[in-house]
Amino acid sequence: QFKFLTGRSVGLPVFALLTLLATGLPSCENSEGIGGTGSIAGSITELLFNDDFSWLKAARYDMPPANLLTFRVVDFFRPLVNLSFYAIEKVSPGNLPLHYGLNLVLHFLCTALVFRLVLKLFGSERLAAVTAVLFAVTSVHSAAVIWISARTTLLSTCFLLASFDVLLSRAWTERTRLAVSIALYVLALVSKEE
Protein backbone atom coordinates (compact mmCIF):
# COMPACT_ATOMS: atom_id res chain seq x y z
CA GLN A 1 0.00 0.00 0.00
CA PHE A 2 1.20 3.51 -0.84
CA LYS A 3 0.20 6.78 0.77
CA PHE A 4 -0.34 9.44 -1.78
CA LEU A 5 -1.71 12.99 -2.00
CA THR A 6 -4.79 12.09 0.01
CA GLY A 7 -2.73 10.82 2.95
CA ARG A 8 -4.57 7.51 2.66
CA SER A 9 -3.44 4.15 1.37
CA VAL A 10 -3.72 3.54 -2.34
CA GLY A 11 -3.96 -0.09 -3.42
CA LEU A 12 -1.25 -1.81 -5.37
CA PRO A 13 -3.61 -2.89 -8.19
CA VAL A 14 -3.63 0.65 -9.56
CA PHE A 15 0.15 0.75 -9.67
CA ALA A 16 0.33 -2.78 -11.12
CA LEU A 17 -1.99 -1.75 -13.95
CA LEU A 18 0.06 1.37 -14.66
CA THR A 19 3.28 -0.64 -14.60
CA LEU A 20 1.80 -3.11 -17.08
CA LEU A 21 0.74 -0.25 -19.35
CA ALA A 22 4.15 1.40 -19.05
CA THR A 23 6.20 -1.69 -19.84
CA GLY A 24 4.00 -2.81 -22.72
CA LEU A 25 5.10 -5.22 -25.40
CA PRO A 26 7.96 -4.80 -27.89
CA SER A 27 7.61 -1.68 -29.98
CA CYS A 28 6.55 -1.75 -33.63
CA GLU A 29 5.62 1.00 -36.03
CA ASN A 30 2.98 1.71 -38.63
CA SER A 31 3.73 3.07 -42.11
CA GLU A 32 4.06 6.62 -40.75
CA GLY A 33 6.80 5.61 -38.30
CA ILE A 34 4.51 5.95 -35.29
CA GLY A 35 3.52 2.77 -33.62
CA GLY A 36 1.91 0.75 -30.94
CA THR A 37 3.16 -2.34 -29.20
CA GLY A 38 3.28 -5.99 -30.15
CA SER A 39 0.33 -7.66 -31.85
CA ILE A 40 -2.07 -4.91 -30.83
CA ALA A 41 -0.24 -2.22 -32.82
CA GLY A 42 -2.99 -1.88 -35.41
CA SER A 43 -5.75 -1.49 -32.86
CA ILE A 44 -3.82 1.03 -30.77
CA THR A 45 -2.85 3.22 -33.73
CA GLU A 46 -6.52 3.34 -34.65
CA LEU A 47 -7.05 5.14 -31.34
CA LEU A 48 -4.62 7.89 -32.33
CA PHE A 49 -6.02 11.15 -33.65
CA ASN A 50 -4.53 13.81 -35.91
CA ASP A 51 -2.74 15.76 -33.17
CA ASP A 52 -1.36 12.55 -31.65
CA PHE A 53 0.59 11.80 -34.82
CA SER A 54 1.92 15.37 -34.90
CA TRP A 55 3.11 15.28 -31.27
CA LEU A 56 4.65 11.81 -31.56
CA LYS A 57 6.42 12.62 -34.83
CA ALA A 58 7.70 15.94 -33.49
CA ALA A 59 8.92 14.34 -30.27
CA ARG A 60 10.69 11.55 -32.08
CA TYR A 61 12.19 13.36 -35.06
CA ASP A 62 11.82 17.14 -34.94
CA MET A 63 12.31 18.49 -31.40
CA PRO A 64 15.89 19.59 -30.81
CA PRO A 65 16.87 19.32 -27.13
CA ALA A 66 18.18 22.90 -27.15
CA ASN A 67 14.78 24.27 -28.23
CA LEU A 68 12.59 21.77 -26.42
CA LEU A 69 10.84 24.41 -24.30
CA THR A 70 10.21 26.77 -27.22
CA PHE A 71 9.40 24.26 -29.98
CA ARG A 72 5.85 24.61 -31.35
CA VAL A 73 3.81 21.57 -32.30
CA VAL A 74 0.57 22.24 -34.20
CA ASP A 75 1.37 25.93 -33.58
CA PHE A 76 0.87 25.69 -29.79
CA PHE A 77 3.22 26.91 -27.08
CA ARG A 78 3.15 24.02 -24.59
CA PRO A 79 6.66 23.43 -23.24
CA LEU A 80 5.73 20.93 -20.51
CA VAL A 81 3.81 18.82 -22.98
CA ASN A 82 6.80 18.93 -25.34
CA LEU A 83 8.97 17.73 -22.48
CA SER A 84 6.62 14.85 -21.62
CA PHE A 85 6.36 13.59 -25.22
CA TYR A 86 10.09 14.05 -25.82
CA ALA A 87 11.08 12.16 -22.65
CA ILE A 88 8.80 9.19 -23.40
CA GLU A 89 9.90 8.98 -27.02
CA LYS A 90 13.58 9.07 -26.00
CA VAL A 91 13.15 6.43 -23.28
CA SER A 92 10.82 4.10 -25.19
CA PRO A 93 10.07 5.14 -28.79
CA GLY A 94 6.66 4.07 -30.02
CA ASN A 95 5.48 2.81 -26.63
CA LEU A 96 1.89 4.04 -26.78
CA PRO A 97 0.87 2.26 -23.56
CA LEU A 98 3.46 4.40 -21.78
CA HIS A 99 1.84 7.55 -23.20
CA TYR A 100 -1.61 6.33 -22.17
CA GLY A 101 -0.23 5.28 -18.78
CA LEU A 102 1.09 8.79 -18.16
CA ASN A 103 -2.35 10.20 -18.95
CA LEU A 104 -3.88 7.76 -16.45
CA VAL A 105 -1.38 8.78 -13.78
CA LEU A 106 -2.13 12.47 -14.41
CA HIS A 107 -5.88 11.80 -14.21
CA PHE A 108 -5.30 9.93 -10.94
CA LEU A 109 -3.33 12.93 -9.59
CA CYS A 110 -6.15 15.29 -10.59
CA THR A 111 -8.67 13.02 -8.87
CA ALA A 112 -6.57 12.92 -5.69
CA LEU A 113 -6.29 16.71 -5.75
CA VAL A 114 -10.07 17.07 -6.17
CA PHE A 115 -10.46 14.87 -3.09
CA ARG A 116 -8.02 17.03 -1.10
CA LEU A 117 -9.65 20.31 -2.17
CA VAL A 118 -13.18 19.20 -1.32
CA LEU A 119 -11.97 17.82 2.00
CA LYS A 120 -10.26 21.11 2.83
CA LEU A 121 -13.21 23.23 1.73
CA PHE A 122 -16.04 21.22 3.30
CA GLY A 123 -14.35 18.99 5.91
CA SER A 124 -16.34 15.92 4.87
CA GLU A 125 -14.47 12.80 3.80
CA ARG A 126 -17.65 11.28 2.41
CA LEU A 127 -18.38 14.34 0.24
CA ALA A 128 -14.73 14.46 -0.87
CA ALA A 129 -14.78 10.76 -1.81
CA VAL A 130 -18.05 11.03 -3.75
CA THR A 131 -16.83 14.14 -5.56
CA ALA A 132 -13.49 12.53 -6.42
CA VAL A 133 -15.18 9.37 -7.71
CA LEU A 134 -17.56 11.42 -9.86
CA PHE A 135 -14.63 13.45 -11.15
CA ALA A 136 -12.71 10.25 -11.95
CA VAL A 137 -15.44 8.43 -13.84
CA THR A 138 -17.46 11.15 -15.55
CA SER A 139 -17.38 10.90 -19.32
CA VAL A 140 -16.55 14.60 -19.66
CA HIS A 141 -12.91 13.77 -18.87
CA SER A 142 -12.64 10.71 -21.09
CA ALA A 143 -11.13 12.56 -24.06
CA ALA A 144 -8.40 14.00 -21.85
CA VAL A 145 -7.46 10.52 -20.66
CA ILE A 146 -7.72 8.47 -23.88
CA TRP A 147 -6.43 11.09 -26.33
CA ILE A 148 -2.71 11.38 -25.69
CA SER A 149 -2.50 14.90 -27.13
CA ALA A 150 -5.04 15.99 -24.53
CA ARG A 151 -2.29 15.57 -21.97
CA THR A 152 -2.25 19.36 -22.17
CA THR A 153 -5.58 19.43 -20.32
CA LEU A 154 -4.43 16.90 -17.72
CA LEU A 155 -1.19 18.74 -16.97
CA SER A 156 -2.90 22.11 -16.82
CA THR A 157 -5.67 20.80 -14.56
CA CYS A 158 -3.21 19.04 -12.29
CA PHE A 159 -1.08 22.16 -11.79
CA LEU A 160 -4.13 24.39 -11.34
CA LEU A 161 -5.66 22.09 -8.72
CA ALA A 162 -2.28 21.83 -6.99
CA SER A 163 -2.10 25.64 -6.96
CA PHE A 164 -5.48 25.85 -5.21
CA ASP A 165 -4.45 23.07 -2.84
CA VAL A 166 -1.33 24.97 -1.79
CA LEU A 167 -3.34 28.18 -1.29
CA LEU A 168 -5.66 26.33 1.10
CA SER A 169 -2.80 24.65 2.93
CA ARG A 170 -1.78 25.63 6.42
CA ALA A 171 1.60 23.92 6.23
CA TRP A 172 3.64 26.96 5.17
CA THR A 173 3.72 30.65 5.79
CA GLU A 174 1.34 32.79 3.77
CA ARG A 175 4.17 34.20 1.68
CA THR A 176 5.53 30.74 0.85
CA ARG A 177 2.06 29.43 -0.01
CA LEU A 178 1.48 32.37 -2.35
CA ALA A 179 4.86 31.92 -4.08
CA VAL A 180 4.40 28.16 -4.57
CA SER A 181 0.81 28.66 -5.72
CA ILE A 182 1.86 31.24 -8.31
CA ALA A 183 4.65 28.93 -9.54
CA LEU A 184 2.15 26.07 -9.95
CA TYR A 185 -0.25 28.40 -11.75
CA VAL A 186 2.50 29.40 -14.19
CA LEU A 187 3.19 25.70 -14.82
CA ALA A 188 -0.54 25.27 -15.56
CA LEU A 189 -0.33 28.10 -18.08
CA VAL A 190 2.72 26.67 -19.88
CA SER A 191 0.94 23.31 -20.07
CA LYS A 192 -2.00 24.74 -21.99
CA GLU A 193 -2.28 28.37 -23.07
CA GLU A 194 -6.07 28.42 -23.31
C-alpha atoms as a PDB file:
ATOM      1  CA  GLN A   1       0.000   0.000   0.000  1.00  0.00           C
ATOM      2  CA  PHE A   2       1.195   3.511  -0.838  1.00  0.00           C
ATOM      3  CA  LYS A   3       0.195   6.776   0.770  1.00  0.00           C
ATOM      4  CA  PHE A   4      -0.345   9.443  -1.778  1.00  0.00           C
ATOM      5  CA  LEU A   5      -1.705  12.993  -1.997  1.00  0.00           C
ATOM      6  CA  THR A   6      -4.786  12.088   0.008  1.00  0.00           C
ATOM      7  CA  GLY A   7      -2.734  10.823   2.948  1.00  0.00           C
ATOM      8  CA  ARG A   8      -4.570   7.509   2.656  1.00  0.00           C
ATOM      9  CA  SER A   9      -3.437   4.149   1.368  1.00  0.00           C
ATOM     10  CA  VAL A  10      -3.720   3.542  -2.337  1.00  0.00           C
ATOM     11  CA  GLY A  11      -3.956  -0.090  -3.417  1.00  0.00           C
ATOM     12  CA  LEU A  12      -1.248  -1.810  -5.371  1.00  0.00           C
ATOM     13  CA  PRO A  13      -3.608  -2.889  -8.191  1.00  0.00           C
ATOM     14  CA  VAL A  14      -3.632   0.654  -9.560  1.00  0.00           C
ATOM     15  CA  PHE A  15       0.154   0.751  -9.671  1.00  0.00           C
ATOM     16  CA  ALA A  16       0.331  -2.778 -11.117  1.00  0.00           C
ATOM     17  CA  LEU A  17      -1.990  -1.754 -13.954  1.00  0.00           C
ATOM     18  CA  LEU A  18       0.058   1.371 -14.657  1.00  0.00           C
ATOM     19  CA  THR A  19       3.285  -0.638 -14.604  1.00  0.00           C
ATOM     20  CA  LEU A  20       1.803  -3.111 -17.084  1.00  0.00           C
ATOM     21  CA  LEU A  21       0.739  -0.247 -19.351  1.00  0.00           C
ATOM     22  CA  ALA A  22       4.151   1.400 -19.052  1.00  0.00           C
ATOM     23  CA  THR A  23       6.197  -1.691 -19.844  1.00  0.00           C
ATOM     24  CA  GLY A  24       3.998  -2.809 -22.722  1.00  0.00           C
ATOM     25  CA  LEU A  25       5.098  -5.218 -25.403  1.00  0.00           C
ATOM     26  CA  PRO A  26       7.959  -4.800 -27.885  1.00  0.00           C
ATOM     27  CA  SER A  27       7.608  -1.675 -29.984  1.00  0.00           C
ATOM     28  CA  CYS A  28       6.550  -1.754 -33.627  1.00  0.00           C
ATOM     29  CA  GLU A  29       5.624   1.004 -36.034  1.00  0.00           C
ATOM     30  CA  ASN A  30       2.983   1.708 -38.635  1.00  0.00           C
ATOM     31  CA  SER A  31       3.729   3.067 -42.112  1.00  0.00           C
ATOM     32  CA  GLU A  32       4.060   6.620 -40.751  1.00  0.00           C
ATOM     33  CA  GLY A  33       6.801   5.608 -38.298  1.00  0.00           C
ATOM     34  CA  ILE A  34       4.508   5.953 -35.286  1.00  0.00           C
ATOM     35  CA  GLY A  35       3.519   2.768 -33.624  1.00  0.00           C
ATOM     36  CA  GLY A  36       1.905   0.750 -30.936  1.00  0.00           C
ATOM     37  CA  THR A  37       3.159  -2.337 -29.204  1.00  0.00           C
ATOM     38  CA  GLY A  38       3.278  -5.993 -30.153  1.00  0.00           C
ATOM     39  CA  SER A  39       0.329  -7.663 -31.851  1.00  0.00           C
ATOM     40  CA  ILE A  40      -2.068  -4.909 -30.832  1.00  0.00           C
ATOM     41  CA  ALA A  41      -0.238  -2.219 -32.817  1.00  0.00           C
ATOM     42  CA  GLY A  42      -2.992  -1.879 -35.406  1.00  0.00           C
ATOM     43  CA  SER A  43      -5.753  -1.490 -32.859  1.00  0.00           C
ATOM     44  CA  ILE A  44      -3.818   1.033 -30.774  1.00  0.00           C
ATOM     45  CA  THR A  45      -2.849   3.224 -33.725  1.00  0.00           C
ATOM     46  CA  GLU A  46      -6.525   3.337 -34.654  1.00  0.00           C
ATOM     47  CA  LEU A  47      -7.054   5.141 -31.343  1.00  0.00           C
ATOM     48  CA  LEU A  48      -4.623   7.890 -32.334  1.00  0.00           C
ATOM     49  CA  PHE A  49      -6.023  11.152 -33.647  1.00  0.00           C
ATOM     50  CA  ASN A  50      -4.535  13.811 -35.909  1.00  0.00           C
ATOM     51  CA  ASP A  51      -2.736  15.759 -33.174  1.00  0.00           C
ATOM     52  CA  ASP A  52      -1.364  12.551 -31.648  1.00  0.00           C
ATOM     53  CA  PHE A  53       0.592  11.799 -34.819  1.00  0.00           C
ATOM     54  CA  SER A  54       1.920  15.369 -34.896  1.00  0.00           C
ATOM     55  CA  TRP A  55       3.110  15.281 -31.269  1.00  0.00           C
ATOM     56  CA  LEU A  56       4.652  11.811 -31.559  1.00  0.00           C
ATOM     57  CA  LYS A  57       6.421  12.617 -34.831  1.00  0.00           C
ATOM     58  CA  ALA A  58       7.702  15.941 -33.490  1.00  0.00           C
ATOM     59  CA  ALA A  59       8.920  14.344 -30.269  1.00  0.00           C
ATOM     60  CA  ARG A  60      10.690  11.548 -32.079  1.00  0.00           C
ATOM     61  CA  TYR A  61      12.189  13.359 -35.061  1.00  0.00           C
ATOM     62  CA  ASP A  62      11.816  17.141 -34.944  1.00  0.00           C
ATOM     63  CA  MET A  63      12.308  18.495 -31.405  1.00  0.00           C
ATOM     64  CA  PRO A  64      15.891  19.592 -30.813  1.00  0.00           C
ATOM     65  CA  PRO A  65      16.871  19.324 -27.134  1.00  0.00           C
ATOM     66  CA  ALA A  66      18.176  22.897 -27.153  1.00  0.00           C
ATOM     67  CA  ASN A  67      14.778  24.270 -28.234  1.00  0.00           C
ATOM     68  CA  LEU A  68      12.587  21.773 -26.415  1.00  0.00           C
ATOM     69  CA  LEU A  69      10.844  24.415 -24.303  1.00  0.00           C
ATOM     70  CA  THR A  70      10.208  26.771 -27.218  1.00  0.00           C
ATOM     71  CA  PHE A  71       9.396  24.263 -29.983  1.00  0.00           C
ATOM     72  CA  ARG A  72       5.850  24.611 -31.352  1.00  0.00           C
ATOM     73  CA  VAL A  73       3.805  21.567 -32.303  1.00  0.00           C
ATOM     74  CA  VAL A  74       0.573  22.244 -34.199  1.00  0.00           C
ATOM     75  CA  ASP A  75       1.370  25.932 -33.576  1.00  0.00           C
ATOM     76  CA  PHE A  76       0.874  25.689 -29.787  1.00  0.00           C
ATOM     77  CA  PHE A  77       3.223  26.912 -27.077  1.00  0.00           C
ATOM     78  CA  ARG A  78       3.148  24.021 -24.588  1.00  0.00           C
ATOM     79  CA  PRO A  79       6.664  23.428 -23.240  1.00  0.00           C
ATOM     80  CA  LEU A  80       5.733  20.935 -20.514  1.00  0.00           C
ATOM     81  CA  VAL A  81       3.806  18.819 -22.985  1.00  0.00           C
ATOM     82  CA  ASN A  82       6.798  18.934 -25.338  1.00  0.00           C
ATOM     83  CA  LEU A  83       8.966  17.728 -22.481  1.00  0.00           C
ATOM     84  CA  SER A  84       6.616  14.849 -21.616  1.00  0.00           C
ATOM     85  CA  PHE A  85       6.359  13.593 -25.219  1.00  0.00           C
ATOM     86  CA  TYR A  86      10.093  14.047 -25.821  1.00  0.00           C
ATOM     87  CA  ALA A  87      11.076  12.159 -22.645  1.00  0.00           C
ATOM     88  CA  ILE A  88       8.803   9.195 -23.398  1.00  0.00           C
ATOM     89  CA  GLU A  89       9.901   8.984 -27.023  1.00  0.00           C
ATOM     90  CA  LYS A  90      13.576   9.066 -26.004  1.00  0.00           C
ATOM     91  CA  VAL A  91      13.146   6.432 -23.278  1.00  0.00           C
ATOM     92  CA  SER A  92      10.823   4.099 -25.193  1.00  0.00           C
ATOM     93  CA  PRO A  93      10.071   5.145 -28.793  1.00  0.00           C
ATOM     94  CA  GLY A  94       6.659   4.073 -30.019  1.00  0.00           C
ATOM     95  CA  ASN A  95       5.483   2.815 -26.634  1.00  0.00           C
ATOM     96  CA  LEU A  96       1.891   4.036 -26.785  1.00  0.00           C
ATOM     97  CA  PRO A  97       0.874   2.257 -23.559  1.00  0.00           C
ATOM     98  CA  LEU A  98       3.460   4.397 -21.784  1.00  0.00           C
ATOM     99  CA  HIS A  99       1.839   7.548 -23.196  1.00  0.00           C
ATOM    100  CA  TYR A 100      -1.614   6.331 -22.167  1.00  0.00           C
ATOM    101  CA  GLY A 101      -0.232   5.276 -18.777  1.00  0.00           C
ATOM    102  CA  LEU A 102       1.093   8.791 -18.157  1.00  0.00           C
ATOM    103  CA  ASN A 103      -2.350  10.202 -18.953  1.00  0.00           C
ATOM    104  CA  LEU A 104      -3.883   7.757 -16.451  1.00  0.00           C
ATOM    105  CA  VAL A 105      -1.382   8.785 -13.785  1.00  0.00           C
ATOM    106  CA  LEU A 106      -2.128  12.467 -14.407  1.00  0.00           C
ATOM    107  CA  HIS A 107      -5.879  11.803 -14.211  1.00  0.00           C
ATOM    108  CA  PHE A 108      -5.297   9.930 -10.939  1.00  0.00           C
ATOM    109  CA  LEU A 109      -3.331  12.925  -9.591  1.00  0.00           C
ATOM    110  CA  CYS A 110      -6.152  15.292 -10.591  1.00  0.00           C
ATOM    111  CA  THR A 111      -8.671  13.022  -8.867  1.00  0.00           C
ATOM    112  CA  ALA A 112      -6.572  12.924  -5.687  1.00  0.00           C
ATOM    113  CA  LEU A 113      -6.288  16.715  -5.749  1.00  0.00           C
ATOM    114  CA  VAL A 114     -10.067  17.069  -6.172  1.00  0.00           C
ATOM    115  CA  PHE A 115     -10.456  14.869  -3.090  1.00  0.00           C
ATOM    116  CA  ARG A 116      -8.022  17.030  -1.102  1.00  0.00           C
ATOM    117  CA  LEU A 117      -9.646  20.309  -2.171  1.00  0.00           C
ATOM    118  CA  VAL A 118     -13.184  19.204  -1.320  1.00  0.00           C
ATOM    119  CA  LEU A 119     -11.972  17.816   1.998  1.00  0.00           C
ATOM    120  CA  LYS A 120     -10.256  21.108   2.829  1.00  0.00           C
ATOM    121  CA  LEU A 121     -13.212  23.229   1.728  1.00  0.00           C
ATOM    122  CA  PHE A 122     -16.036  21.223   3.305  1.00  0.00           C
ATOM    123  CA  GLY A 123     -14.354  18.993   5.905  1.00  0.00           C
ATOM    124  CA  SER A 124     -16.343  15.924   4.871  1.00  0.00           C
ATOM    125  CA  GLU A 125     -14.466  12.798   3.801  1.00  0.00           C
ATOM    126  CA  ARG A 126     -17.655  11.283   2.411  1.00  0.00           C
ATOM    127  CA  LEU A 127     -18.383  14.336   0.243  1.00  0.00           C
ATOM    128  CA  ALA A 128     -14.733  14.456  -0.867  1.00  0.00           C
ATOM    129  CA  ALA A 129     -14.776  10.760  -1.805  1.00  0.00           C
ATOM    130  CA  VAL A 130     -18.050  11.028  -3.748  1.00  0.00           C
ATOM    131  CA  THR A 131     -16.829  14.141  -5.558  1.00  0.00           C
ATOM    132  CA  ALA A 132     -13.494  12.526  -6.418  1.00  0.00           C
ATOM    133  CA  VAL A 133     -15.178   9.370  -7.710  1.00  0.00           C
ATOM    134  CA  LEU A 134     -17.564  11.416  -9.857  1.00  0.00           C
ATOM    135  CA  PHE A 135     -14.626  13.446 -11.154  1.00  0.00           C
ATOM    136  CA  ALA A 136     -12.706  10.254 -11.954  1.00  0.00           C
ATOM    137  CA  VAL A 137     -15.436   8.432 -13.843  1.00  0.00           C
ATOM    138  CA  THR A 138     -17.458  11.155 -15.552  1.00  0.00           C
ATOM    139  CA  SER A 139     -17.378  10.905 -19.325  1.00  0.00           C
ATOM    140  CA  VAL A 140     -16.552  14.604 -19.657  1.00  0.00           C
ATOM    141  CA  HIS A 141     -12.910  13.770 -18.871  1.00  0.00           C
ATOM    142  CA  SER A 142     -12.638  10.706 -21.088  1.00  0.00           C
ATOM    143  CA  ALA A 143     -11.133  12.558 -24.061  1.00  0.00           C
ATOM    144  CA  ALA A 144      -8.396  13.996 -21.855  1.00  0.00           C
ATOM    145  CA  VAL A 145      -7.462  10.524 -20.662  1.00  0.00           C
ATOM    146  CA  ILE A 146      -7.719   8.472 -23.877  1.00  0.00           C
ATOM    147  CA  TRP A 147      -6.428  11.087 -26.325  1.00  0.00           C
ATOM    148  CA  ILE A 148      -2.712  11.383 -25.688  1.00  0.00           C
ATOM    149  CA  SER A 149      -2.503  14.896 -27.132  1.00  0.00           C
ATOM    150  CA  ALA A 150      -5.045  15.986 -24.534  1.00  0.00           C
ATOM    151  CA  ARG A 151      -2.293  15.569 -21.967  1.00  0.00           C
ATOM    152  CA  THR A 152      -2.250  19.357 -22.174  1.00  0.00           C
ATOM    153  CA  THR A 153      -5.584  19.428 -20.317  1.00  0.00           C
ATOM    154  CA  LEU A 154      -4.432  16.904 -17.716  1.00  0.00           C
ATOM    155  CA  LEU A 155      -1.189  18.740 -16.972  1.00  0.00           C
ATOM    156  CA  SER A 156      -2.902  22.110 -16.819  1.00  0.00           C
ATOM    157  CA  THR A 157      -5.673  20.804 -14.562  1.00  0.00           C
ATOM    158  CA  CYS A 158      -3.214  19.039 -12.293  1.00  0.00           C
ATOM    159  CA  PHE A 159      -1.081  22.155 -11.788  1.00  0.00           C
ATOM    160  CA  LEU A 160      -4.128  24.391 -11.341  1.00  0.00           C
ATOM    161  CA  LEU A 161      -5.665  22.091  -8.720  1.00  0.00           C
ATOM    162  CA  ALA A 162      -2.279  21.834  -6.987  1.00  0.00           C
ATOM    163  CA  SER A 163      -2.096  25.640  -6.963  1.00  0.00           C
ATOM    164  CA  PHE A 164      -5.481  25.848  -5.212  1.00  0.00           C
ATOM    165  CA  ASP A 165      -4.451  23.071  -2.838  1.00  0.00           C
ATOM    166  CA  VAL A 166      -1.332  24.974  -1.790  1.00  0.00           C
ATOM    167  CA  LEU A 167      -3.340  28.176  -1.291  1.00  0.00           C
ATOM    168  CA  LEU A 168      -5.658  26.329   1.098  1.00  0.00           C
ATOM    169  CA  SER A 169      -2.798  24.652   2.931  1.00  0.00           C
ATOM    170  CA  ARG A 170      -1.782  25.633   6.421  1.00  0.00           C
ATOM    171  CA  ALA A 171       1.600  23.923   6.234  1.00  0.00           C
ATOM    172  CA  TRP A 172       3.640  26.962   5.174  1.00  0.00           C
ATOM    173  CA  THR A 173       3.721  30.654   5.794  1.00  0.00           C
ATOM    174  CA  GLU A 174       1.336  32.791   3.769  1.00  0.00           C
ATOM    175  CA  ARG A 175       4.170  34.202   1.685  1.00  0.00           C
ATOM    176  CA  THR A 176       5.531  30.742   0.851  1.00  0.00           C
ATOM    177  CA  ARG A 177       2.059  29.429  -0.014  1.00  0.00           C
ATOM    178  CA  LEU A 178       1.480  32.366  -2.346  1.00  0.00           C
ATOM    179  CA  ALA A 179       4.864  31.924  -4.080  1.00  0.00           C
ATOM    180  CA  VAL A 180       4.401  28.163  -4.572  1.00  0.00           C
ATOM    181  CA  SER A 181       0.813  28.663  -5.716  1.00  0.00           C
ATOM    182  CA  ILE A 182       1.863  31.240  -8.311  1.00  0.00           C
ATOM    183  CA  ALA A 183       4.647  28.932  -9.543  1.00  0.00           C
ATOM    184  CA  LEU A 184       2.153  26.071  -9.947  1.00  0.00           C
ATOM    185  CA  TYR A 185      -0.249  28.397 -11.747  1.00  0.00           C
ATOM    186  CA  VAL A 186       2.497  29.396 -14.192  1.00  0.00           C
ATOM    187  CA  LEU A 187       3.189  25.700 -14.816  1.00  0.00           C
ATOM    188  CA  ALA A 188      -0.536  25.266 -15.560  1.00  0.00           C
ATOM    189  CA  LEU A 189      -0.326  28.102 -18.079  1.00  0.00           C
ATOM    190  CA  VAL A 190       2.716  26.668 -19.879  1.00  0.00           C
ATOM    191  CA  SER A 191       0.937  23.310 -20.074  1.00  0.00           C
ATOM    192  CA  LYS A 192      -1.997  24.736 -21.989  1.00  0.00           C
ATOM    193  CA  GLU A 193      -2.281  28.366 -23.065  1.00  0.00           C
ATOM    194  CA  GLU A 194      -6.067  28.420 -23.306  1.00  0.00           C
END
